[in-house]
Amino acid sequence: MELIWAIVIGALYAAGLYMMMRRSIVKIIIGLVLLGYAANLLIFNVSHLTRGNPPLVPQGASMPVAPFADPLPQALILTAIVIGFGVQAFAIVLFRRAYQSCGADDIDELRTTEG
């Protein structure tokens, strides 16, 4: 199963990098989204999620009862989702503003309108 996840994550990274090398700003934003999904899946896959009790310490004990789920990968993925959403929203607004001022989606045409 981990081999399938590795192939899926590798395909998402490859597709994201390919899309980010295109000249269209929309394709760059789609590539950014794909890279975010790939990073989240990579954190999820590397963390080896275990099914178990919530990591709560019972009263009178010094450690949680084993087996318990590790909350750190879940917190990292949730944080990455929120940050990724903010970056994507900023990129979309930036694209919209650049398209309104230049009327072009091609990066080469945006470079010719500078100065």
PDB file of N, CA and C in Angstrom:
ATOM      1  N   MET A   1       0.822  -1.196   0.000  1.00  0.00           N
ATOM      2  CA  MET A   1       0.000   0.000   0.000  1.00  0.00           C
ATOM      3  C   MET A   1       0.866   1.261   0.000  1.00  0.00           C
ATOM      4  N   GLU A   2       2.014   1.184   0.699  1.00  0.00           N
ATOM      5  CA  GLU A   2       2.891   2.353   0.734  1.00  0.00           C
ATOM      6  C   GLU A   2       3.496   2.640  -0.630  1.00  0.00           C
ATOM      7  N   LEU A   3       3.670   1.597  -1.444  1.00  0.00           N
ATOM      8  CA  LEU A   3       4.184   1.794  -2.793  1.00  0.00           C
ATOM      9  C   LEU A   3       3.182   2.579  -3.639  1.00  0.00           C
ATOM     10  N   ILE A   4       1.912   2.275  -3.467  1.00  0.00           N
ATOM     11  CA  ILE A   4       0.875   3.006  -4.208  1.00  0.00           C
ATOM     12  C   ILE A   4       0.862   4.469  -3.792  1.00  0.00           C
ATOM     13  N   TRP A   5       0.969   4.721  -2.473  1.00  0.00           N
ATOM     14  CA  TRP A   5       1.000   6.104  -1.993  1.00  0.00           C
ATOM     15  C   TRP A   5       2.227   6.841  -2.508  1.00  0.00           C
ATOM     16  N   ALA A   6       3.365   6.135  -2.562  1.00  0.00           N
ATOM     17  CA  ALA A   6       4.589   6.765  -3.075  1.00  0.00           C
ATOM     18  C   ALA A   6       4.430   7.134  -4.545  1.00  0.00           C
ATOM     19  N   ILE A   7       3.798   6.266  -5.321  1.00  0.00           N
ATOM     20  CA  ILE A   7       3.575   6.558  -6.741  1.00  0.00           C
ATOM     21  C   ILE A   7       2.613   7.729  -6.908  1.00  0.00           C
ATOM     22  N   VAL A   8       1.550   7.752  -6.110  1.00  0.00           N
ATOM     23  CA  VAL A   8       0.575   8.853  -6.191  1.00  0.00           C
ATOM     24  C   VAL A   8       1.227  10.178  -5.806  1.00  0.00           C
ATOM     25  N   ILE A   9       2.010  10.173  -4.725  1.00  0.00           N
ATOM     26  CA  ILE A   9       2.674  11.402  -4.283  1.00  0.00           C
ATOM     27  C   ILE A   9       3.692  11.865  -5.315  1.00  0.00           C
ATOM     28  N   GLY A  10       4.451  10.930  -5.866  1.00  0.00           N
ATOM     29  CA  GLY A  10       5.409  11.279  -6.914  1.00  0.00           C
ATOM     30  C   GLY A  10       4.725  11.836  -8.147  1.00  0.00           C
ATOM     31  N   ALA A  11       3.589  11.246  -8.525  1.00  0.00           N
ATOM     32  CA  ALA A  11       2.836  11.755  -9.684  1.00  0.00           C
ATOM     33  C   ALA A  11       2.300  13.155  -9.423  1.00  0.00           C
ATOM     34  N   LEU A  12       1.818  13.404  -8.200  1.00  0.00           N
ATOM     35  CA  LEU A  12       1.324  14.745  -7.872  1.00  0.00           C
ATOM     36  C   LEU A  12       2.448  15.775  -7.901  1.00  0.00           C
ATOM     37  N   TYR A  13       3.619  15.415  -7.349  1.00  0.00           N
ATOM     38  CA  TYR A  13       4.766  16.328  -7.408  1.00  0.00           C
ATOM     39  C   TYR A  13       5.181  16.585  -8.856  1.00  0.00           C
ATOM     40  N   ALA A  14       5.228  15.526  -9.663  1.00  0.00           N
ATOM     41  CA  ALA A  14       5.627  15.681 -11.061  1.00  0.00           C
ATOM     42  C   ALA A  14       4.626  16.543 -11.824  1.00  0.00           C
ATOM     43  N   ALA A  15       3.336  16.291 -11.617  1.00  0.00           N
ATOM     44  CA  ALA A  15       2.314  17.089 -12.303  1.00  0.00           C
ATOM     45  C   ALA A  15       2.350  18.539 -11.841  1.00  0.00           C
ATOM     46  N   GLY A  16       2.560  18.747 -10.539  1.00  0.00           N
ATOM     47  CA  GLY A  16       2.634  20.112 -10.020  1.00  0.00           C
ATOM     48  C   GLY A  16       3.825  20.874 -10.573  1.00  0.00           C
ATOM     49  N   LEU A  17       4.976  20.213 -10.611  1.00  0.00           N
ATOM     50  CA  LEU A  17       6.161  20.878 -11.170  1.00  0.00           C
ATOM     51  C   LEU A  17       6.002  21.139 -12.661  1.00  0.00           C
ATOM     52  N   TYR A  18       5.404  20.198 -13.374  1.00  0.00           N
ATOM     53  CA  TYR A  18       5.171  20.397 -14.809  1.00  0.00           C
ATOM     54  C   TYR A  18       4.239  21.581 -15.051  1.00  0.00           C
ATOM     55  N   MET A  19       3.177  21.660 -14.257  1.00  0.00           N
ATOM     56  CA  MET A  19       2.230  22.766 -14.422  1.00  0.00           C
ATOM     57  C   MET A  19       2.867  24.106 -14.052  1.00  0.00           C
ATOM     58  N   MET A  20       3.769  24.113 -13.082  1.00  0.00           N
ATOM     59  CA  MET A  20       4.393  25.366 -12.682  1.00  0.00           C
ATOM     60  C   MET A  20       5.422  25.858 -13.702  1.00  0.00           C
ATOM     61  N   MET A  21       5.866  24.982 -14.590  1.00  0.00           N
ATOM     62  CA  MET A  21       6.807  25.403 -15.623  1.00  0.00           C
ATOM     63  C   MET A  21       6.104  25.907 -16.887  1.00  0.00           C
ATOM     64  N   ARG A  22       4.796  25.953 -16.892  1.00  0.00           N
ATOM     65  CA  ARG A  22       4.048  26.438 -18.041  1.00  0.00           C
ATOM     66  C   ARG A  22       4.038  27.966 -18.029  1.00  0.00           C
ATOM     67  N   ARG A  23       3.605  28.558 -19.142  1.00  0.00           N
ATOM     68  CA  ARG A  23       3.625  30.019 -19.256  1.00  0.00           C
ATOM     69  C   ARG A  23       2.341  30.672 -18.769  1.00  0.00           C
ATOM     70  N   SER A  24       1.282  29.901 -18.619  1.00  0.00           N
ATOM     71  CA  SER A  24       0.006  30.457 -18.191  1.00  0.00           C
ATOM     72  C   SER A  24      -0.038  30.576 -16.667  1.00  0.00           C
ATOM     73  N   ILE A  25      -0.542  31.695 -16.187  1.00  0.00           N
ATOM     74  CA  ILE A  25      -0.614  31.904 -14.737  1.00  0.00           C
ATOM     75  C   ILE A  25      -1.626  30.965 -14.099  1.00  0.00           C
ATOM     76  N   VAL A  26      -2.703  30.648 -14.801  1.00  0.00           N
ATOM     77  CA  VAL A  26      -3.701  29.713 -14.266  1.00  0.00           C
ATOM     78  C   VAL A  26      -3.067  28.343 -14.045  1.00  0.00           C
ATOM     79  N   LYS A  27      -2.241  27.903 -14.992  1.00  0.00           N
ATOM     80  CA  LYS A  27      -1.570  26.609 -14.837  1.00  0.00           C
ATOM     81  C   LYS A  27      -0.557  26.646 -13.705  1.00  0.00           C
ATOM     82  N   ILE A  28       0.053  27.771 -13.475  1.00  0.00           N
ATOM     83  CA  ILE A  28       0.981  27.907 -12.348  1.00  0.00           C
ATOM     84  C   ILE A  28       0.228  27.761 -11.031  1.00  0.00           C
ATOM     85  N   ILE A  29      -0.952  28.356 -10.945  1.00  0.00           N
ATOM     86  CA  ILE A  29      -1.755  28.244  -9.723  1.00  0.00           C
ATOM     87  C   ILE A  29      -2.212  26.803  -9.517  1.00  0.00           C
ATOM     88  N   ILE A  30      -2.608  26.122 -10.595  1.00  0.00           N
ATOM     89  CA  ILE A  30      -3.000  24.712 -10.482  1.00  0.00           C
ATOM     90  C   ILE A  30      -1.807  23.873 -10.025  1.00  0.00           C
ATOM     91  N   GLY A  31      -0.622  24.162 -10.539  1.00  0.00           N
ATOM     92  CA  GLY A  31       0.579  23.463 -10.094  1.00  0.00           C
ATOM     93  C   GLY A  31       0.863  23.701  -8.625  1.00  0.00           C
ATOM     94  N   LEU A  32       0.625  24.919  -8.157  1.00  0.00           N
ATOM     95  CA  LEU A  32       0.805  25.240  -6.741  1.00  0.00           C
ATOM     96  C   LEU A  32      -0.152  24.422  -5.871  1.00  0.00           C
ATOM     97  N   VAL A  33      -1.380  24.274  -6.330  1.00  0.00           N
ATOM     98  CA  VAL A  33      -2.371  23.469  -5.604  1.00  0.00           C
ATOM     99  C   VAL A  33      -1.938  22.006  -5.559  1.00  0.00           C
ATOM    100  N   LEU A  34      -1.478  21.473  -6.695  1.00  0.00           N
ATOM    101  CA  LEU A  34      -1.037  20.079  -6.735  1.00  0.00           C
ATOM    102  C   LEU A  34       0.165  19.841  -5.824  1.00  0.00           C
ATOM    103  N   LEU A  35       1.095  20.795  -5.773  1.00  0.00           N
ATOM    104  CA  LEU A  35       2.238  20.656  -4.864  1.00  0.00           C
ATOM    105  C   LEU A  35       1.788  20.660  -3.400  1.00  0.00           C
ATOM    106  N   GLY A  36       0.789  21.464  -3.077  1.00  0.00           N
ATOM    107  CA  GLY A  36       0.254  21.477  -1.708  1.00  0.00           C
ATOM    108  C   GLY A  36      -0.375  20.145  -1.339  1.00  0.00           C
ATOM    109  N   TYR A  37      -1.165  19.556  -2.258  1.00  0.00           N
ATOM    110  CA  TYR A  37      -1.766  18.246  -2.007  1.00  0.00           C
ATOM    111  C   TYR A  37      -0.686  17.181  -1.831  1.00  0.00           C
ATOM    112  N   ALA A  38       0.347  17.243  -2.672  1.00  0.00           N
ATOM    113  CA  ALA A  38       1.418  16.255  -2.585  1.00  0.00           C
ATOM    114  C   ALA A  38       2.158  16.370  -1.253  1.00  0.00           C
ATOM    115  N   ALA A  39       2.415  17.583  -0.807  1.00  0.00           N
ATOM    116  CA  ALA A  39       3.108  17.767   0.474  1.00  0.00           C
ATOM    117  C   ALA A  39       2.259  17.246   1.637  1.00  0.00           C
ATOM    118  N   ASN A  40       0.959  17.493   1.597  1.00  0.00           N
ATOM    119  CA  ASN A  40       0.085  16.993   2.659  1.00  0.00           C
ATOM    120  C   ASN A  40       0.049  15.473   2.673  1.00  0.00           C
ATOM    121  N   LEU A  41      -0.048  14.858   1.505  1.00  0.00           N
ATOM    122  CA  LEU A  41      -0.044  13.396   1.444  1.00  0.00           C
ATOM    123  C   LEU A  41       1.294  12.819   1.889  1.00  0.00           C
ATOM    124  N   LEU A  42       2.382  13.515   1.591  1.00  0.00           N
ATOM    125  CA  LEU A  42       3.692  13.044   2.024  1.00  0.00           C
ATOM    126  C   LEU A  42       3.803  13.052   3.552  1.00  0.00           C
ATOM    127  N   ILE A  43       3.355  14.110   4.177  1.00  0.00           N
ATOM    128  CA  ILE A  43       3.370  14.172   5.651  1.00  0.00           C
ATOM    129  C   ILE A  43       2.478  13.070   6.216  1.00  0.00           C
ATOM    130  N   PHE A  44       1.326  12.868   5.596  1.00  0.00           N
ATOM    131  CA  PHE A  44       0.378  11.845   6.051  1.00  0.00           C
ATOM    132  C   PHE A  44       0.984  10.452   5.923  1.00  0.00           C
ATOM    133  N   ASN A  45       1.685  10.201   4.817  1.00  0.00           N
ATOM    134  CA  ASN A  45       2.248   8.878   4.569  1.00  0.00           C
ATOM    135  C   ASN A  45       3.469   8.599   5.440  1.00  0.00           C
ATOM    136  N   VAL A  46       4.296   9.591   5.656  1.00  0.00           N
ATOM    137  CA  VAL A  46       5.511   9.398   6.436  1.00  0.00           C
ATOM    138  C   VAL A  46       5.202   9.202   7.925  1.00  0.00           C
ATOM    139  N   SER A  47       4.091   9.749   8.392  1.00  0.00           N
ATOM    140  CA  SER A  47       3.802   9.720   9.832  1.00  0.00           C
ATOM    141  C   SER A  47       3.348   8.359  10.334  1.00  0.00           C
ATOM    142  N   HIS A  48       3.035   7.401   9.451  1.00  0.00           N
ATOM    143  CA  HIS A  48       2.596   6.066   9.854  1.00  0.00           C
ATOM    144  C   HIS A  48       1.479   6.155  10.886  1.00  0.00           C
ATOM    145  N   LEU A  49       0.331   6.626  10.458  1.00  0.00           N
ATOM    146  CA  LEU A  49      -0.802   6.784  11.352  1.00  0.00           C
ATOM    147  C   LEU A  49      -1.173   5.447  11.993  1.00  0.00           C
ATOM    148  N   THR A  50      -1.408   5.469  13.286  1.00  0.00           N
ATOM    149  CA  THR A  50      -1.812   4.265  14.017  1.00  0.00           C
ATOM    150  C   THR A  50      -3.193   4.480  14.585  1.00  0.00           C
ATOM    151  N   ARG A  51      -3.937   3.410  14.575  1.00  0.00           N
ATOM    152  CA  ARG A  51      -5.264   3.450  15.163  1.00  0.00           C
ATOM    153  C   ARG A  51      -5.110   3.182  16.654  1.00  0.00           C
ATOM    154  N   GLY A  52      -5.674   4.028  17.445  1.00  0.00           N
ATOM    155  CA  GLY A  52      -5.523   3.828  18.881  1.00  0.00           C
ATOM    156  C   GLY A  52      -6.341   4.827  19.659  1.00  0.00           C
ATOM    157  N   ASN A  53      -6.041   4.904  20.906  1.00  0.00           N
ATOM    158  CA  ASN A  53      -6.738   5.814  21.805  1.00  0.00           C
ATOM    159  C   ASN A  53      -6.313   7.247  21.539  1.00  0.00           C
ATOM    160  N   PRO A  54      -7.141   8.206  21.897  1.00  0.00           N
ATOM    161  CA  PRO A  54      -6.678   9.592  21.814  1.00  0.00           C
ATOM    162  C   PRO A  54      -5.540   9.808  22.814  1.00  0.00           C
ATOM    163  N   PRO A  55      -4.619  10.717  22.499  1.00  0.00           N
ATOM    164  CA  PRO A  55      -3.453  10.898  23.379  1.00  0.00           C
ATOM    165  C   PRO A  55      -3.789  11.716  24.624  1.00  0.00           C
ATOM    166  N   LEU A  56      -4.678  11.211  25.439  1.00  0.00           N
ATOM    167  CA  LEU A  56      -5.058  11.877  26.680  1.00  0.00           C
ATOM    168  C   LEU A  56      -4.450  11.121  27.857  1.00  0.00           C
ATOM    169  N   VAL A  57      -3.939  11.864  28.796  1.00  0.00           N
ATOM    170  CA  VAL A  57      -3.333  11.259  29.985  1.00  0.00           C
ATOM    171  C   VAL A  57      -4.426  11.055  31.029  1.00  0.00           C
ATOM    172  N   PRO A  58      -4.651   9.793  31.430  1.00  0.00           N
ATOM    173  CA  PRO A  58      -5.668   9.568  32.456  1.00  0.00           C
ATOM    174  C   PRO A  58      -5.253  10.177  33.803  1.00  0.00           C
ATOM    175  N   GLN A  59      -6.222  10.427  34.619  1.00  0.00           N
ATOM    176  CA  GLN A  59      -5.946  11.042  35.913  1.00  0.00           C
ATOM    177  C   GLN A  59      -5.122  10.077  36.765  1.00  0.00           C
ATOM    178  N   GLY A  60      -4.026  10.580  37.299  1.00  0.00           N
ATOM    179  CA  GLY A  60      -3.160   9.785  38.144  1.00  0.00           C
ATOM    180  C   GLY A  60      -2.028   9.097  37.378  1.00  0.00           C
ATOM    181  N   ALA A  61      -2.013   9.197  36.058  1.00  0.00           N
ATOM    182  CA  ALA A  61      -0.950   8.578  35.250  1.00  0.00           C
ATOM    183  C   ALA A  61      -0.001   9.661  34.761  1.00  0.00           C
ATOM    184  N   SER A  62       1.171   9.231  34.324  1.00  0.00           N
ATOM    185  CA  SER A  62       2.139  10.207  33.820  1.00  0.00           C
ATOM    186  C   SER A  62       2.257  10.188  32.300  1.00  0.00           C
ATOM    187  N   MET A  63       1.709   9.130  31.660  1.00  0.00           N
ATOM    188  CA  MET A  63       1.762   9.021  30.205  1.00  0.00           C
ATOM    189  C   MET A  63       0.419   8.513  29.689  1.00  0.00           C
ATOM    190  N   PRO A  64       0.132   8.773  28.399  1.00  0.00           N
ATOM    191  CA  PRO A  64      -1.094   8.197  27.835  1.00  0.00           C
ATOM    192  C   PRO A  64      -0.997   6.676  27.742  1.00  0.00           C
ATOM    193  N   VAL A  65      -2.152   6.036  27.699  1.00  0.00           N
ATOM    194  CA  VAL A  65      -2.204   4.580  27.614  1.00  0.00           C
ATOM    195  C   VAL A  65      -1.889   4.169  26.178  1.00  0.00           C
ATOM    196  N   ALA A  66      -0.917   3.255  25.992  1.00  0.00           N
ATOM    197  CA  ALA A  66      -0.531   2.796  24.647  1.00  0.00           C
ATOM    198  C   ALA A  66      -1.562   1.789  24.133  1.00  0.00           C
ATOM    199  N   PRO A  67      -1.816   1.673  22.883  1.00  0.00           N
ATOM    200  CA  PRO A  67      -1.342   2.500  21.768  1.00  0.00           C
ATOM    201  C   PRO A  67      -2.174   3.766  21.677  1.00  0.00           C
ATOM    202  N   PHE A  68      -1.518   4.856  21.357  1.00  0.00           N
ATOM    203  CA  PHE A  68      -2.242   6.116  21.211  1.00  0.00           C
ATOM    204  C   PHE A  68      -1.824   6.779  19.904  1.00  0.00           C
ATOM    205  N   ALA A  69      -2.718   7.585  19.368  1.00  0.00           N
ATOM    206  CA  ALA A  69      -2.477   8.257  18.096  1.00  0.00           C
ATOM    207  C   ALA A  69      -1.577   9.472  18.318  1.00  0.00           C
ATOM    208  N   ASP A  70      -0.655   9.683  17.393  1.00  0.00           N
ATOM    209  CA  ASP A  70       0.258  10.830  17.475  1.00  0.00           C
ATOM    210  C   ASP A  70      -0.447  12.053  16.883  1.00  0.00           C
ATOM    211  N   PRO A  71      -0.669  13.107  17.659  1.00  0.00           N
ATOM    212  CA  PRO A  71      -1.394  14.264  17.143  1.00  0.00           C
ATOM    213  C   PRO A  71      -0.546  15.214  16.294  1.00  0.00           C
ATOM    214  N   LEU A  72       0.791  15.066  16.315  1.00  0.00           N
ATOM    215  CA  LEU A  72       1.650  16.007  15.608  1.00  0.00           C
ATOM    216  C   LEU A  72       1.453  15.986  14.086  1.00  0.00           C
ATOM    217  N   PRO A  73       1.414  14.824  13.413  1.00  0.00           N
ATOM    218  CA  PRO A  73       1.197  14.853  11.965  1.00  0.00           C
ATOM    219  C   PRO A  73      -0.152  15.460  11.581  1.00  0.00           C
ATOM    220  N   GLN A  74      -1.155  15.207  12.394  1.00  0.00           N
ATOM    221  CA  GLN A  74      -2.474  15.779  12.111  1.00  0.00           C
ATOM    222  C   GLN A  74      -2.438  17.297  12.224  1.00  0.00           C
ATOM    223  N   ALA A  75      -1.742  17.796  13.235  1.00  0.00           N
ATOM    224  CA  ALA A  75      -1.622  19.248  13.396  1.00  0.00           C
ATOM    225  C   ALA A  75      -0.806  19.860  12.269  1.00  0.00           C
ATOM    226  N   LEU A  76       0.262  19.176  11.829  1.00  0.00           N
ATOM    227  CA  LEU A  76       1.071  19.681  10.719  1.00  0.00           C
ATOM    228  C   LEU A  76       0.269  19.750   9.428  1.00  0.00           C
ATOM    229  N   ILE A  77      -0.510  18.706   9.156  1.00  0.00           N
ATOM    230  CA  ILE A  77      -1.314  18.689   7.929  1.00  0.00           C
ATOM    231  C   ILE A  77      -2.380  19.772   7.984  1.00  0.00           C
ATOM    232  N   LEU A  78      -3.022  19.933   9.122  1.00  0.00           N
ATOM    233  CA  LEU A  78      -4.046  20.969   9.245  1.00  0.00           C
ATOM    234  C   LEU A  78      -3.435  22.357   9.045  1.00  0.00           C
ATOM    235  N   THR A  79      -2.270  22.587   9.618  1.00  0.00           N
ATOM    236  CA  THR A  79      -1.587  23.861   9.426  1.00  0.00           C
ATOM    237  C   THR A  79      -1.192  24.066   7.974  1.00  0.00           C
ATOM    238  N   ALA A  80      -0.702  23.005   7.327  1.00  0.00           N
ATOM    239  CA  ALA A  80      -0.319  23.103   5.914  1.00  0.00           C
ATOM    240  C   ALA A  80      -1.530  23.381   5.029  1.00  0.00           C
ATOM    241  N   ILE A  81      -2.673  22.820   5.356  1.00  0.00           N
ATOM    242  CA  ILE A  81      -3.893  23.082   4.581  1.00  0.00           C
ATOM    243  C   ILE A  81      -4.281  24.552   4.691  1.00  0.00           C
ATOM    244  N   VAL A  82      -4.245  25.092   5.905  1.00  0.00           N
ATOM    245  CA  VAL A  82      -4.630  26.493   6.110  1.00  0.00           C
ATOM    246  C   VAL A  82      -3.646  27.434   5.407  1.00  0.00           C
ATOM    247  N   ILE A  83      -2.358  27.190   5.545  1.00  0.00           N
ATOM    248  CA  ILE A  83      -1.363  28.038   4.889  1.00  0.00           C
ATOM    249  C   ILE A  83      -1.466  27.911   3.377  1.00  0.00           C
ATOM    250  N   GLY A  84      -1.661  26.682   2.882  1.00  0.00           N
ATOM    251  CA  GLY A  84      -1.818  26.467   1.446  1.00  0.00           C
ATOM    252  C   GLY A  84      -3.037  27.188   0.895  1.00  0.00           C
ATOM    253  N   PHE A  85      -4.131  27.183   1.642  1.00  0.00           N
ATOM    254  CA  PHE A  85      -5.322  27.897   1.198  1.00  0.00           C
ATOM    255  C   PHE A  85      -5.065  29.402   1.128  1.00  0.00           C
ATOM    256  N   GLY A  86      -4.347  29.939   2.097  1.00  0.00           N
ATOM    257  CA  GLY A  86      -4.028  31.369   2.066  1.00  0.00           C
ATOM    258  C   GLY A  86      -3.142  31.736   0.889  1.00  0.00           C
ATOM    259  N   VAL A  87      -2.136  30.899   0.598  1.00  0.00           N
ATOM    260  CA  VAL A  87      -1.248  31.149  -0.535  1.00  0.00           C
ATOM    261  C   VAL A  87      -2.022  31.056  -1.846  1.00  0.00           C
ATOM    262  N   GLN A  88      -2.913  30.081  -1.943  1.00  0.00           N
ATOM    263  CA  GLN A  88      -3.710  29.935  -3.163  1.00  0.00           C
ATOM    264  C   GLN A  88      -4.647  31.121  -3.354  1.00  0.00           C
ATOM    265  N   ALA A  89      -5.265  31.578  -2.290  1.00  0.00           N
ATOM    266  CA  ALA A  89      -6.150  32.737  -2.392  1.00  0.00           C
ATOM    267  C   ALA A  89      -5.366  33.976  -2.822  1.00  0.00           C
ATOM    268  N   PHE A  90      -4.178  34.165  -2.247  1.00  0.00           N
ATOM    269  CA  PHE A  90      -3.335  35.293  -2.636  1.00  0.00           C
ATOM    270  C   PHE A  90      -2.928  35.197  -4.102  1.00  0.00           C
ATOM    271  N   ALA A  91      -2.563  33.996  -4.561  1.00  0.00           N
ATOM    272  CA  ALA A  91      -2.161  33.821  -5.960  1.00  0.00           C
ATOM    273  C   ALA A  91      -3.320  34.095  -6.910  1.00  0.00           C
ATOM    274  N   ILE A  92      -4.516  33.697  -6.545  1.00  0.00           N
ATOM    275  CA  ILE A  92      -5.682  33.950  -7.401  1.00  0.00           C
ATOM    276  C   ILE A  92      -5.978  35.435  -7.483  1.00  0.00           C
ATOM    277  N   VAL A  93      -5.915  36.131  -6.349  1.00  0.00           N
ATOM    278  CA  VAL A  93      -6.153  37.574  -6.352  1.00  0.00           C
ATOM    279  C   VAL A  93      -5.059  38.293  -7.145  1.00  0.00           C
ATOM    280  N   LEU A  94      -3.816  37.862  -6.984  1.00  0.00           N
ATOM    281  CA  LEU A  94      -2.717  38.447  -7.737  1.00  0.00           C
ATOM    282  C   LEU A  94      -2.893  38.226  -9.240  1.00  0.00           C
ATOM    283  N   PHE A  95      -3.317  37.027  -9.627  1.00  0.00           N
ATOM    284  CA  PHE A  95      -3.576  36.744 -11.037  1.00  0.00           C
ATOM    285  C   PHE A  95      -4.699  37.622 -11.571  1.00  0.00           C
ATOM    286  N   ARG A  96      -5.756  37.753 -10.800  1.00  0.00           N
ATOM    287  CA  ARG A  96      -6.889  38.570 -11.255  1.00  0.00           C
ATOM    288  C   ARG A  96      -6.470  40.025 -11.465  1.00  0.00           C
ATOM    289  N   ARG A  97      -5.680  40.547 -10.553  1.00  0.00           N
ATOM    290  CA  ARG A  97      -5.210  41.935 -10.676  1.00  0.00           C
ATOM    291  C   ARG A  97      -4.275  42.102 -11.870  1.00  0.00           C
ATOM    292  N   ALA A  98      -3.375  41.150 -12.083  1.00  0.00           N
ATOM    293  CA  ALA A  98      -2.472  41.221 -13.231  1.00  0.00           C
ATOM    294  C   ALA A  98      -3.240  41.094 -14.537  1.00  0.00           C
ATOM    295  N   TYR A  99      -4.256  40.259 -14.563  1.00  0.00           N
ATOM    296  CA  TYR A  99      -5.055  40.097 -15.780  1.00  0.00           C
ATOM    297  C   TYR A  99      -5.873  41.355 -16.074  1.00  0.00           C
ATOM    298  N   GLN A 100      -6.375  41.997 -15.022  1.00  0.00           N
ATOM    299  CA  GLN A 100      -7.139  43.237 -15.217  1.00  0.00           C
ATOM    300  C   GLN A 100      -6.248  44.353 -15.751  1.00  0.00           C
ATOM    301  N   SER A 101      -5.035  44.452 -15.265  1.00  0.00           N
ATOM    302  CA  SER A 101      -4.178  45.552 -15.687  1.00  0.00           C
ATOM    303  C   SER A 101      -3.522  45.298 -17.039  1.00  0.00           C
ATOM    304  N   CYS A 102      -3.216  44.040 -17.368  1.00  0.00           N
ATOM    305  CA  CYS A 102      -2.513  43.749 -18.619  1.00  0.00           C
ATOM    306  C   CYS A 102      -3.399  43.102 -19.667  1.00  0.00           C
ATOM    307  N   GLY A 103      -4.432  42.407 -19.255  1.00  0.00           N
ATOM    308  CA  GLY A 103      -5.314  41.730 -20.194  1.00  0.00           C
ATOM    309  C   GLY A 103      -4.690  40.489 -20.809  1.00  0.00           C
ATOM    310  N   ALA A 104      -3.703  39.898 -20.152  1.00  0.00           N
ATOM    311  CA  ALA A 104      -3.038  38.719 -20.698  1.00  0.00           C
ATOM    312  C   ALA A 104      -2.795  37.699 -19.584  1.00  0.00           C
ATOM    313  N   ASP A 105      -2.802  36.436 -19.994  1.00  0.00           N
ATOM    314  CA  ASP A 105      -2.542  35.343 -19.065  1.00  0.00           C
ATOM    315  C   ASP A 105      -1.127  34.802 -19.237  1.00  0.00           C
ATOM    316  N   ASP A 106      -0.486  35.133 -20.329  1.00  0.00           N
ATOM    317  CA  ASP A 106       0.844  34.625 -20.653  1.00  0.00           C
ATOM    318  C   ASP A 106       1.912  35.423 -19.908  1.00  0.00           C
ATOM    319  N   ILE A 107       2.869  34.712 -19.296  1.00  0.00           N
ATOM    320  CA  ILE A 107       3.916  35.390 -18.527  1.00  0.00           C
ATOM    321  C   ILE A 107       4.803  36.226 -19.428  1.00  0.00           C
ATOM    322  N   ASP A 108       5.065  35.771 -20.642  1.00  0.00           N
ATOM    323  CA  ASP A 108       5.904  36.556 -21.550  1.00  0.00           C
ATOM    324  C   ASP A 108       5.252  37.888 -21.903  1.00  0.00           C
ATOM    325  N   GLU A 109       3.937  37.901 -22.054  1.00  0.00           N
ATOM    326  CA  GLU A 109       3.250  39.160 -22.343  1.00  0.00           C
ATOM    327  C   GLU A 109       3.253  40.087 -21.118  1.00  0.00           C
ATOM    328  N   LEU A 110       3.221  39.514 -19.923  1.00  0.00           N
ATOM    329  CA  LEU A 110       3.306  40.342 -18.721  1.00  0.00           C
ATOM    330  C   LEU A 110       4.686  40.993 -18.608  1.00  0.00           C
ATOM    331  N   ARG A 111       5.725  40.304 -19.034  1.00  0.00           N
ATOM    332  CA  ARG A 111       7.080  40.870 -18.970  1.00  0.00           C
ATOM    333  C   ARG A 111       7.243  42.008 -19.964  1.00  0.00           C
ATOM    334  N   THR A 112       6.580  41.941 -21.104  1.00  0.00           N
ATOM    335  CA  THR A 112       6.725  42.996 -22.107  1.00  0.00           C
ATOM    336  C   THR A 112       5.977  44.268 -21.711  1.00  0.00           C
ATOM    337  N   THR A 113       5.016  44.156 -20.791  1.00  0.00           N
ATOM    338  CA  THR A 113       4.270  45.341 -20.379  1.00  0.00           C
ATOM    339  C   THR A 113       4.933  46.072 -19.219  1.00  0.00           C
ATOM    340  N   GLU A 114       6.055  45.545 -18.689  1.00  0.00           N
ATOM    341  CA  GLU A 114       6.751  46.242 -17.603  1.00  0.00           C
ATOM    342  C   GLU A 114       7.433  47.478 -18.138  1.00  0.00           C
ATOM    343  N   GLY A 115       7.591  48.453 -17.285  1.00  0.00           N
ATOM    344  CA  GLY A 115       8.370  49.637 -17.624  1.00  0.00           C
ATOM    345  C   GLY A 115       7.749  50.493 -18.589  1.00  0.00           C
TER     346      GLY A 115
END
